[in-house]
Amino acid sequence: MGTLGSRIALFVLSGLLVVSLYWGYRETQEKNAVLLKAENQYQRAFYDLLSHLEGIERSLAVLRTSRDGGYSTAKLFELKEHADAARGDLSRLPLTLLPASELEEFLGNVSRFAFLAATEGDASDDGRAQRVEALAREAKALREELENLGTKIAEHKIRWMDVEMSLALSEAEGNPVVDGLRKISDGLKGDPPFPDGTLPPLDGERLRMGLREAARGNPVSEAQAREALAKAFGLSSSDVRHAEVHRVEDDVVLFDVALVPQNPREGEIYTGEVLERGGEIVWFRHVRPFGAPRLTYEQGAVKAERDLYAHGLHGFVLADGRTGDGFAVYRFVPVQGDVLLFPDAVRVWVALDDGSVVGLDRSSYLAFHRPRDIPAPKLAAEEARRAAEARGKLVDPPRLAVTHDSAGREVLTYTFIVEAGETPYRVFLNAFDGTEEHVELLGRPQEG
């Protein structure tokens, strides 16, 4: 009986051992599968980062060669898309324990430069050309260093998982990846493209001053800034996989917020800036791939106008807009009496694949909006119309509008849209003497 009991016990123990080995093997396989998936995601993020840096370099090269004729708004927005996507790629790498703020700051500077240059009208002055040159040099050096880093990763068969472990254990010295990233970071420290803060000096100086005046109320925390941006996109805390918030001190103190969603699409990231005092959102963008358009430009405009109302922005009219690759951007301006207030413009980006609002810029509105004492024009409306018709096919008849002149002063004008050949332009003529204040090249709404 004892022998039988021993045999049964041995059989049971053997069975348990087999089951234990099986589950151990399965657990190891599952763990390896998870690690492999993570490693693949890290590698994809690195090469996406390199690809977007190449895109930044290409876009800057185009701007360098075209500065005499003014910078293309489409190219500036393309540059911004590459910079924003690169920031998303960077956030997907295991670098939270490594100071990579210089790389992040560089990408942020590129993004803001492109954004302000595109939205400030003419971008052909010498100061901007010098900044393009500086950014182009930095982008080239950065891309070359990252390519060298990629070569080291391949030669040494380094895994990003090992980098993450080295950083966590403070054993990063001698790791080629970490050393390479530190070299990049140190290089960017040596020659920052915009030494005086997050917003480049540009014509945006008056914008920064205006935002400083608009920053009123109690200060908000980083967590509150993050929550404000998430709320603007309708995101809950469970929708966000990773969040980065940087407090930036300039003429105005801002929180620079980036949110990476759970299961992001390629290059997907939510970004924006929030005023520390008062917690107002200055601008936000949802960078993501766009599908085939299912909405027309006009249908997108309806979505954009509804979004303005949802954000408490009333009394605006659609001034103009354009379509891009799967999206449309609309410029709305407030009206005082019958006068359009272009310095206070708000821009809304709408994805034409699903009609979602993927961007809102209210920086100019926050900085400049106020009641104005507007004088009566000396130039008659009929004179303005004749001047408009002499320039080409009149698309939008003249209306009174406040805009900034070349010195940054507000001036009353007549504004209208004409087509010269196939190209639409918005023209601003001084409402007192008929001289041209400035001209904007507009994208055609039907362009895809």
Protein backbone atom coordinates (compact mmCIF):
# COMPACT_ATOMS: atom_id res chain seq x y z
CA MET A 1 0.00 0.00 0.00
CA GLY A 2 2.86 2.28 0.90
CA THR A 3 4.52 1.50 -2.41
CA LEU A 4 1.32 2.33 -4.29
CA GLY A 5 0.99 5.59 -2.38
CA SER A 6 4.58 6.50 -3.21
CA ARG A 7 3.96 5.80 -6.88
CA ILE A 8 0.84 7.95 -6.89
CA ALA A 9 2.69 10.75 -5.12
CA LEU A 10 5.56 10.48 -7.60
CA PHE A 11 3.09 10.57 -10.49
CA VAL A 12 1.35 13.63 -9.08
CA LEU A 13 4.65 15.41 -8.44
CA SER A 14 5.83 14.58 -11.96
CA GLY A 15 2.60 15.94 -13.37
CA LEU A 16 2.92 19.12 -11.33
CA LEU A 17 6.50 19.52 -12.51
CA VAL A 18 5.43 19.15 -16.14
CA VAL A 19 2.60 21.64 -15.67
CA SER A 20 4.95 24.03 -13.87
CA LEU A 21 7.52 23.77 -16.65
CA TYR A 22 4.82 24.28 -19.26
CA TRP A 23 3.43 27.37 -17.57
CA GLY A 24 6.93 28.68 -16.95
CA TYR A 25 7.76 28.17 -20.62
CA ARG A 26 4.50 29.82 -21.68
CA GLU A 27 5.04 32.74 -19.31
CA THR A 28 8.57 33.19 -20.67
CA GLN A 29 7.29 33.09 -24.23
CA GLU A 30 4.58 35.66 -23.45
CA LYS A 31 7.12 37.88 -21.68
CA ASN A 32 9.49 37.62 -24.64
CA ALA A 33 6.64 38.46 -27.00
CA VAL A 34 5.82 41.58 -24.96
CA LEU A 35 9.49 42.61 -24.88
CA LEU A 36 9.83 42.01 -28.62
CA LYS A 37 6.75 44.11 -29.31
CA ALA A 38 8.11 46.92 -27.12
CA GLU A 39 11.51 46.72 -28.82
CA ASN A 40 9.88 46.88 -32.25
CA GLN A 41 7.86 49.92 -31.18
CA TYR A 42 11.01 51.66 -29.91
CA GLN A 43 12.87 50.93 -33.15
CA ARG A 44 9.92 52.17 -35.20
CA ALA A 45 9.80 55.38 -33.15
CA PHE A 46 13.54 55.98 -33.66
CA TYR A 47 13.41 55.55 -37.42
CA ASP A 48 10.21 57.61 -37.61
CA LEU A 49 12.08 60.33 -35.72
CA LEU A 50 14.94 60.13 -38.21
CA SER A 51 12.50 60.24 -41.13
CA HIS A 52 10.74 63.33 -39.79
CA LEU A 53 14.08 65.05 -39.15
CA GLU A 54 14.95 64.41 -42.79
CA GLY A 55 11.61 66.01 -43.66
CA ILE A 56 12.49 69.04 -41.52
CA GLU A 57 15.83 69.35 -43.30
CA ARG A 58 14.18 69.10 -46.75
CA SER A 59 11.53 71.69 -45.89
CA LEU A 60 14.13 74.12 -44.54
CA ALA A 61 16.23 73.63 -47.69
CA VAL A 62 13.23 74.63 -49.82
CA LEU A 63 12.65 77.72 -47.66
CA ARG A 64 16.33 78.70 -47.94
CA THR A 65 16.13 78.73 -51.74
CA SER A 66 12.78 80.54 -51.96
CA ARG A 67 13.23 83.36 -49.48
CA ASP A 68 13.54 86.07 -52.14
CA GLY A 69 9.99 85.40 -53.25
CA GLY A 70 8.50 84.84 -49.81
CA TYR A 71 7.93 81.58 -48.04
CA SER A 72 5.16 79.23 -49.14
CA THR A 73 2.50 78.85 -46.46
CA ALA A 74 2.01 75.24 -47.52
CA LYS A 75 5.74 74.56 -47.02
CA LEU A 76 5.69 76.22 -43.61
CA PHE A 77 2.80 74.05 -42.50
CA GLU A 78 4.60 71.00 -43.90
CA LEU A 79 7.64 71.97 -41.80
CA LYS A 80 5.44 72.28 -38.71
CA GLU A 81 3.83 68.88 -39.32
CA HIS A 82 7.30 67.25 -39.50
CA ALA A 83 8.39 68.98 -36.27
CA ASP A 84 5.22 68.03 -34.38
CA ALA A 85 5.44 64.43 -35.59
CA ALA A 86 9.11 64.26 -34.53
CA ARG A 87 8.11 65.40 -31.04
CA GLY A 88 5.61 62.56 -30.97
CA ASP A 89 8.32 60.10 -32.07
CA LEU A 90 10.62 61.37 -29.33
CA SER A 91 7.97 60.84 -26.67
CA ARG A 92 7.68 57.16 -27.71
CA LEU A 93 11.35 56.45 -26.92
CA PRO A 94 12.47 55.32 -23.41
CA LEU A 95 14.24 58.59 -22.63
CA THR A 96 12.29 59.83 -19.61
CA LEU A 97 15.35 59.29 -17.39
CA LEU A 98 17.72 61.03 -19.82
CA PRO A 99 17.74 64.84 -20.17
CA ALA A 100 16.54 65.29 -23.75
CA SER A 101 15.03 68.74 -23.26
CA GLU A 102 17.38 70.39 -25.78
CA LEU A 103 16.20 68.07 -28.55
CA GLU A 104 12.58 68.64 -27.53
CA GLU A 105 13.18 72.40 -27.40
CA PHE A 106 14.74 72.40 -30.86
CA LEU A 107 11.73 70.61 -32.33
CA GLY A 108 9.41 72.98 -30.48
CA ASN A 109 11.29 75.99 -31.85
CA VAL A 110 11.00 74.66 -35.41
CA SER A 111 7.28 74.07 -34.93
CA ARG A 112 6.65 77.54 -33.54
CA PHE A 113 8.79 79.25 -36.16
CA ALA A 114 6.81 77.58 -38.95
CA PHE A 115 3.49 78.29 -37.25
CA LEU A 116 4.13 81.99 -36.65
CA ALA A 117 5.74 82.55 -40.05
CA ALA A 118 2.73 80.94 -41.76
CA THR A 119 0.15 82.86 -39.78
CA GLU A 120 1.86 86.27 -39.68
CA GLY A 121 1.50 86.88 -43.43
CA ASP A 122 4.64 87.82 -45.37
CA ALA A 123 7.63 85.79 -44.23
CA SER A 124 10.43 87.12 -46.41
CA ASP A 125 12.29 89.52 -44.10
CA ASP A 126 16.02 89.13 -43.45
CA GLY A 127 15.55 88.22 -39.78
CA ARG A 128 13.46 85.22 -40.69
CA ALA A 129 15.90 84.22 -43.42
CA GLN A 130 18.69 84.18 -40.83
CA ARG A 131 16.59 81.97 -38.55
CA VAL A 132 15.91 79.56 -41.40
CA GLU A 133 19.68 79.37 -42.01
CA ALA A 134 20.33 78.66 -38.30
CA LEU A 135 17.61 76.02 -38.10
CA ALA A 136 18.83 74.38 -41.31
CA ARG A 137 22.36 74.05 -39.88
CA GLU A 138 21.02 72.56 -36.65
CA ALA A 139 18.73 70.16 -38.52
CA LYS A 140 21.56 68.91 -40.75
CA ALA A 141 23.90 68.32 -37.79
CA LEU A 142 21.14 66.64 -35.82
CA ARG A 143 20.16 64.34 -38.69
CA GLU A 144 23.81 63.32 -39.24
CA GLU A 145 24.26 62.51 -35.54
CA LEU A 146 21.09 60.43 -35.49
CA GLU A 147 22.21 58.54 -38.60
CA ASN A 148 25.52 57.80 -36.83
CA LEU A 149 23.54 56.65 -33.83
CA GLY A 150 21.48 54.31 -36.02
CA THR A 151 24.70 52.84 -37.43
CA LYS A 152 26.01 52.19 -33.89
CA ILE A 153 22.75 50.53 -32.92
CA ALA A 154 23.06 48.16 -35.88
CA GLU A 155 26.81 47.51 -35.44
CA HIS A 156 26.63 46.81 -31.70
CA LYS A 157 23.26 45.00 -31.92
CA ILE A 158 21.94 47.28 -29.18
CA ARG A 159 18.35 46.97 -28.00
CA TRP A 160 16.37 49.96 -26.81
CA MET A 161 15.19 47.75 -23.94
CA ASP A 162 18.84 47.63 -22.80
CA VAL A 163 19.02 51.43 -22.98
CA GLU A 164 15.93 51.69 -20.80
CA MET A 165 17.41 49.24 -18.28
CA SER A 166 20.76 51.06 -18.23
CA LEU A 167 19.06 54.37 -17.57
CA ALA A 168 16.93 52.88 -14.81
CA LEU A 169 19.99 51.36 -13.12
CA SER A 170 22.18 54.46 -13.65
CA GLU A 171 24.59 52.35 -15.72
CA ALA A 172 24.31 54.38 -18.90
CA GLU A 173 27.98 55.40 -19.15
CA GLY A 174 29.58 53.78 -22.17
CA ASN A 175 26.26 52.89 -23.80
CA PRO A 176 26.64 54.10 -27.42
CA VAL A 177 22.96 55.08 -27.68
CA VAL A 178 22.97 57.13 -24.49
CA ASP A 179 26.35 58.68 -25.32
CA GLY A 180 25.10 59.58 -28.79
CA LEU A 181 21.95 61.21 -27.46
CA ARG A 182 23.97 63.18 -24.92
CA LYS A 183 26.27 64.36 -27.70
CA ILE A 184 23.24 65.57 -29.65
CA SER A 185 21.84 67.26 -26.56
CA ASP A 186 25.16 68.97 -25.77
CA GLY A 187 25.49 70.16 -29.36
CA LEU A 188 22.07 71.78 -29.25
CA LYS A 189 22.96 73.45 -25.94
CA GLY A 190 25.92 75.13 -27.61
CA ASP A 191 24.00 77.03 -30.28
CA PRO A 192 20.31 77.40 -29.44
CA PRO A 193 18.39 78.79 -32.42
CA PHE A 194 16.10 80.96 -30.27
CA PRO A 195 18.01 81.93 -27.12
CA ASP A 196 15.28 84.08 -25.61
CA GLY A 197 12.53 81.51 -25.11
CA THR A 198 9.79 79.39 -26.57
CA LEU A 199 8.31 81.94 -28.99
CA PRO A 200 10.85 83.07 -31.61
CA PRO A 201 11.41 86.83 -31.82
CA LEU A 202 9.97 87.35 -35.36
CA ASP A 203 7.05 89.73 -35.71
CA GLY A 204 5.66 87.59 -32.89
CA GLU A 205 7.15 90.00 -30.35
CA ARG A 206 3.95 92.03 -30.28
CA LEU A 207 2.02 88.77 -29.99
CA ARG A 208 4.03 87.81 -26.89
CA MET A 209 3.46 91.24 -25.37
CA GLY A 210 -0.25 90.93 -26.02
CA LEU A 211 -0.40 87.48 -24.46
CA ARG A 212 1.38 88.79 -21.38
CA GLU A 213 -1.35 91.41 -21.01
CA ALA A 214 -4.01 88.72 -21.52
CA ALA A 215 -2.51 86.43 -18.85
CA ARG A 216 -4.69 87.33 -15.89
CA GLY A 217 -6.19 85.39 -13.02
CA ASN A 218 -4.86 82.77 -10.66
CA PRO A 219 -1.92 80.61 -11.77
CA VAL A 220 -2.68 77.02 -12.74
CA SER A 221 -0.51 73.97 -12.09
CA GLU A 222 1.09 71.66 -14.65
CA ALA A 223 -1.58 69.06 -13.87
CA GLN A 224 -4.35 71.60 -14.48
CA ALA A 225 -2.74 72.65 -17.77
CA ARG A 226 -2.60 69.02 -18.85
CA GLU A 227 -6.25 68.49 -17.87
CA ALA A 228 -7.32 71.65 -19.72
CA LEU A 229 -5.74 70.45 -22.96
CA ALA A 230 -7.15 66.93 -22.55
CA LYS A 231 -10.62 68.41 -21.95
CA ALA A 232 -10.34 70.51 -25.11
CA PHE A 233 -9.90 67.28 -27.07
CA GLY A 234 -12.52 65.38 -25.09
CA LEU A 235 -9.88 63.03 -23.65
CA SER A 236 -10.13 61.34 -20.25
CA SER A 237 -7.08 60.36 -18.19
CA SER A 238 -7.51 56.74 -19.35
CA ASP A 239 -7.24 57.89 -22.99
CA VAL A 240 -3.71 59.25 -22.46
CA ARG A 241 -0.72 56.91 -22.41
CA HIS A 242 1.97 59.50 -21.84
CA ALA A 243 1.95 63.22 -21.01
CA GLU A 244 4.73 65.81 -21.08
CA VAL A 245 4.30 69.28 -19.58
CA HIS A 246 7.06 71.91 -19.68
CA ARG A 247 6.82 75.30 -17.99
CA VAL A 248 8.37 77.86 -20.29
CA GLU A 249 9.32 81.32 -19.00
CA ASP A 250 9.34 84.04 -21.62
CA ASP A 251 7.71 87.46 -21.83
CA VAL A 252 4.66 85.36 -21.00
CA VAL A 253 4.79 82.15 -18.93
CA LEU A 254 3.32 79.16 -20.75
CA PHE A 255 2.88 75.45 -20.23
CA ASP A 256 3.89 73.46 -23.32
CA VAL A 257 1.76 70.30 -23.21
CA ALA A 258 2.06 67.10 -25.28
CA LEU A 259 -0.26 64.10 -24.89
CA VAL A 260 0.30 60.70 -26.49
CA PRO A 261 -2.91 58.65 -26.68
CA GLN A 262 -3.36 54.96 -25.99
CA ASN A 263 -2.68 52.95 -29.18
CA PRO A 264 -1.62 56.01 -31.22
CA ARG A 265 -1.79 56.05 -34.97
CA GLU A 266 1.46 56.77 -36.79
CA GLY A 267 2.92 60.03 -35.49
CA GLU A 268 -0.23 60.83 -33.48
CA ILE A 269 0.10 63.38 -30.70
CA TYR A 270 -1.98 66.12 -29.08
CA THR A 271 -0.08 69.35 -28.44
CA GLY A 272 -0.85 72.83 -27.19
CA GLU A 273 0.13 75.76 -25.02
CA VAL A 274 -1.69 76.99 -21.91
CA LEU A 275 -1.17 80.32 -20.13
CA GLU A 276 0.02 79.82 -16.57
CA ARG A 277 -2.04 82.76 -15.31
CA GLY A 278 -5.71 82.15 -15.94
CA GLY A 279 -5.21 78.78 -17.65
CA GLU A 280 -6.40 79.95 -21.10
CA ILE A 281 -5.51 77.62 -23.98
CA VAL A 282 -3.47 79.61 -26.51
CA TRP A 283 -3.54 76.98 -29.26
CA PHE A 284 -3.86 73.23 -29.70
CA ARG A 285 -3.31 70.70 -32.47
CA HIS A 286 -4.10 67.02 -32.93
CA VAL A 287 -1.38 65.70 -35.23
CA ARG A 288 -2.39 62.44 -36.89
CA PRO A 289 -2.56 60.75 -40.30
CA PHE A 290 -5.57 61.80 -42.38
CA GLY A 291 -7.71 59.44 -44.43
CA ALA A 292 -9.39 60.13 -47.76
CA PRO A 293 -11.58 63.27 -47.54
CA ARG A 294 -15.30 62.61 -47.11
CA LEU A 295 -16.30 66.20 -46.37
CA THR A 296 -16.17 69.19 -48.68
CA TYR A 297 -14.43 72.44 -47.83
CA GLU A 298 -17.84 74.02 -47.16
CA GLN A 299 -18.93 71.20 -44.83
CA GLY A 300 -15.68 71.56 -42.93
CA ALA A 301 -16.36 75.28 -42.50
CA VAL A 302 -19.66 74.47 -40.77
CA LYS A 303 -17.80 72.15 -38.36
CA ALA A 304 -15.24 74.86 -37.69
CA GLU A 305 -17.88 77.51 -36.95
CA ARG A 306 -19.66 75.17 -34.53
CA ASP A 307 -16.38 74.58 -32.72
CA LEU A 308 -15.91 78.33 -32.26
CA TYR A 309 -19.31 78.49 -30.59
CA ALA A 310 -18.40 75.50 -28.40
CA HIS A 311 -15.36 77.46 -27.17
CA GLY A 312 -17.44 80.56 -26.44
CA LEU A 313 -16.23 82.51 -29.48
CA HIS A 314 -19.17 84.39 -31.00
CA GLY A 315 -19.54 87.16 -33.56
CA PHE A 316 -17.02 85.81 -36.08
CA VAL A 317 -17.20 85.60 -39.87
CA LEU A 318 -15.24 83.27 -42.13
CA ALA A 319 -12.60 85.38 -43.88
CA ASP A 320 -10.81 82.74 -45.94
CA GLY A 321 -9.32 79.27 -45.79
CA ARG A 322 -7.53 76.56 -47.69
CA THR A 323 -7.33 72.80 -47.92
CA GLY A 324 -4.29 70.64 -47.29
CA ASP A 325 -3.60 66.93 -47.45
CA GLY A 326 -6.79 65.61 -45.84
CA PHE A 327 -7.61 68.71 -43.79
CA ALA A 328 -8.79 72.30 -44.14
CA VAL A 329 -7.80 75.39 -42.17
CA TYR A 330 -10.21 78.30 -41.78
CA ARG A 331 -9.51 81.88 -40.68
CA PHE A 332 -12.33 83.53 -38.77
CA VAL A 333 -12.27 87.19 -37.76
CA PRO A 334 -14.51 89.04 -35.27
CA VAL A 335 -16.60 91.98 -36.43
CA GLN A 336 -17.07 95.36 -34.73
CA GLY A 337 -19.95 97.12 -36.44
CA ASP A 338 -19.20 96.41 -40.10
CA VAL A 339 -15.42 96.31 -39.67
CA LEU A 340 -13.43 93.05 -39.77
CA LEU A 341 -10.74 92.76 -37.07
CA PHE A 342 -7.93 90.78 -38.71
CA PRO A 343 -5.42 91.18 -35.83
CA ASP A 344 -7.86 89.18 -33.65
CA ALA A 345 -8.21 86.26 -36.09
CA VAL A 346 -8.83 82.70 -34.93
CA ARG A 347 -7.81 79.69 -37.03
CA VAL A 348 -9.53 76.31 -36.96
CA TRP A 349 -8.21 73.08 -38.51
CA VAL A 350 -10.76 70.42 -39.52
CA ALA A 351 -9.99 66.86 -40.64
CA LEU A 352 -11.95 66.20 -43.83
CA ASP A 353 -11.98 62.42 -43.30
CA ASP A 354 -14.29 62.51 -40.24
CA GLY A 355 -15.07 66.19 -39.63
CA SER A 356 -13.24 66.37 -36.31
CA VAL A 357 -11.59 69.62 -35.25
CA VAL A 358 -7.85 68.91 -35.09
CA GLY A 359 -6.57 72.39 -34.31
CA LEU A 360 -7.48 75.77 -32.89
CA ASP A 361 -5.25 78.85 -32.64
CA ARG A 362 -6.60 81.71 -30.53
CA SER A 363 -3.25 83.34 -29.75
CA SER A 364 -3.97 86.52 -31.75
CA TYR A 365 -7.48 86.76 -30.31
CA LEU A 366 -6.18 86.52 -26.74
CA ALA A 367 -3.41 89.01 -27.43
CA PHE A 368 -5.26 91.71 -29.34
CA HIS A 369 -9.04 91.49 -28.97
CA ARG A 370 -10.63 94.57 -27.42
CA PRO A 371 -13.20 97.26 -28.32
CA ARG A 372 -11.68 99.81 -30.71
CA ASP A 373 -12.32 103.43 -31.61
CA ILE A 374 -12.52 103.09 -35.38
CA PRO A 375 -12.47 106.32 -37.44
CA ALA A 376 -14.53 106.83 -40.58
CA PRO A 377 -12.65 106.09 -43.82
CA LYS A 378 -11.73 108.89 -46.24
CA LEU A 379 -11.59 106.59 -49.27
CA ALA A 380 -15.06 105.88 -50.67
CA ALA A 381 -16.17 102.26 -51.02
CA GLU A 382 -16.64 102.72 -54.78
CA GLU A 383 -13.04 103.93 -55.14
CA ALA A 384 -11.86 100.84 -53.28
CA ARG A 385 -13.93 98.65 -55.59
CA ARG A 386 -12.42 100.21 -58.72
CA ALA A 387 -8.93 99.69 -57.29
CA ALA A 388 -9.80 96.07 -56.56
CA GLU A 389 -11.18 95.37 -60.04
CA ALA A 390 -8.04 96.85 -61.60
CA ARG A 391 -5.98 94.13 -59.92
CA GLY A 392 -7.78 91.11 -61.35
CA LYS A 393 -10.98 89.12 -61.07
CA LEU A 394 -12.83 90.26 -57.94
CA VAL A 395 -13.73 87.22 -55.81
CA ASP A 396 -14.72 88.94 -52.56
CA PRO A 397 -15.88 92.61 -52.63
CA PRO A 398 -14.09 95.24 -50.52
CA ARG A 399 -14.93 95.49 -46.83
CA LEU A 400 -13.56 97.71 -44.11
CA ALA A 401 -10.98 95.92 -41.98
CA VAL A 402 -8.42 96.64 -39.30
CA THR A 403 -5.01 95.08 -39.91
CA HIS A 404 -1.38 95.61 -38.90
CA ASP A 405 0.87 97.70 -41.12
CA SER A 406 4.54 96.87 -41.73
CA ALA A 407 5.53 98.67 -38.51
CA GLY A 408 3.07 96.68 -36.42
CA ARG A 409 0.60 99.55 -36.00
CA GLU A 410 -3.12 98.99 -36.48
CA VAL A 411 -4.55 100.69 -39.55
CA LEU A 412 -8.01 100.87 -41.12
CA THR A 413 -8.13 99.38 -44.63
CA TYR A 414 -10.38 98.02 -47.31
CA THR A 415 -9.72 94.33 -47.85
CA PHE A 416 -10.78 92.17 -50.79
CA ILE A 417 -9.83 88.95 -52.59
CA VAL A 418 -8.83 88.97 -56.26
CA GLU A 419 -7.53 86.32 -58.63
CA ALA A 420 -4.53 87.12 -60.80
CA GLY A 421 -4.40 84.25 -63.28
CA GLU A 422 -5.26 81.20 -61.18
CA THR A 423 -3.83 82.59 -57.94
CA PRO A 424 -6.06 84.18 -55.26
CA TYR A 425 -4.74 87.07 -53.16
CA ARG A 426 -6.13 89.06 -50.25
CA VAL A 427 -5.24 92.74 -50.59
CA PHE A 428 -5.38 95.43 -47.89
CA LEU A 429 -5.62 99.06 -49.12
CA ASN A 430 -5.31 101.98 -46.71
CA ALA A 431 -8.81 103.41 -46.16
CA PHE A 432 -7.49 106.99 -46.06
CA ASP A 433 -5.10 107.31 -49.00
CA GLY A 434 -5.57 104.07 -50.98
CA THR A 435 -1.96 102.89 -50.64
CA GLU A 436 -1.32 99.17 -50.40
CA GLU A 437 -0.61 98.01 -46.84
CA HIS A 438 0.12 94.37 -47.66
CA VAL A 439 -0.94 91.39 -49.77
CA GLU A 440 -1.51 87.79 -48.68
CA LEU A 441 -1.26 84.79 -50.99
CA LEU A 442 -4.21 82.48 -50.30
CA GLY A 443 -4.51 78.77 -50.92
CA ARG A 444 -7.41 77.64 -53.08
CA PRO A 445 -10.12 75.86 -51.05
CA GLN A 446 -10.50 73.10 -53.63
CA GLU A 447 -6.80 72.15 -53.49
CA GLY A 448 -6.23 68.73 -51.96
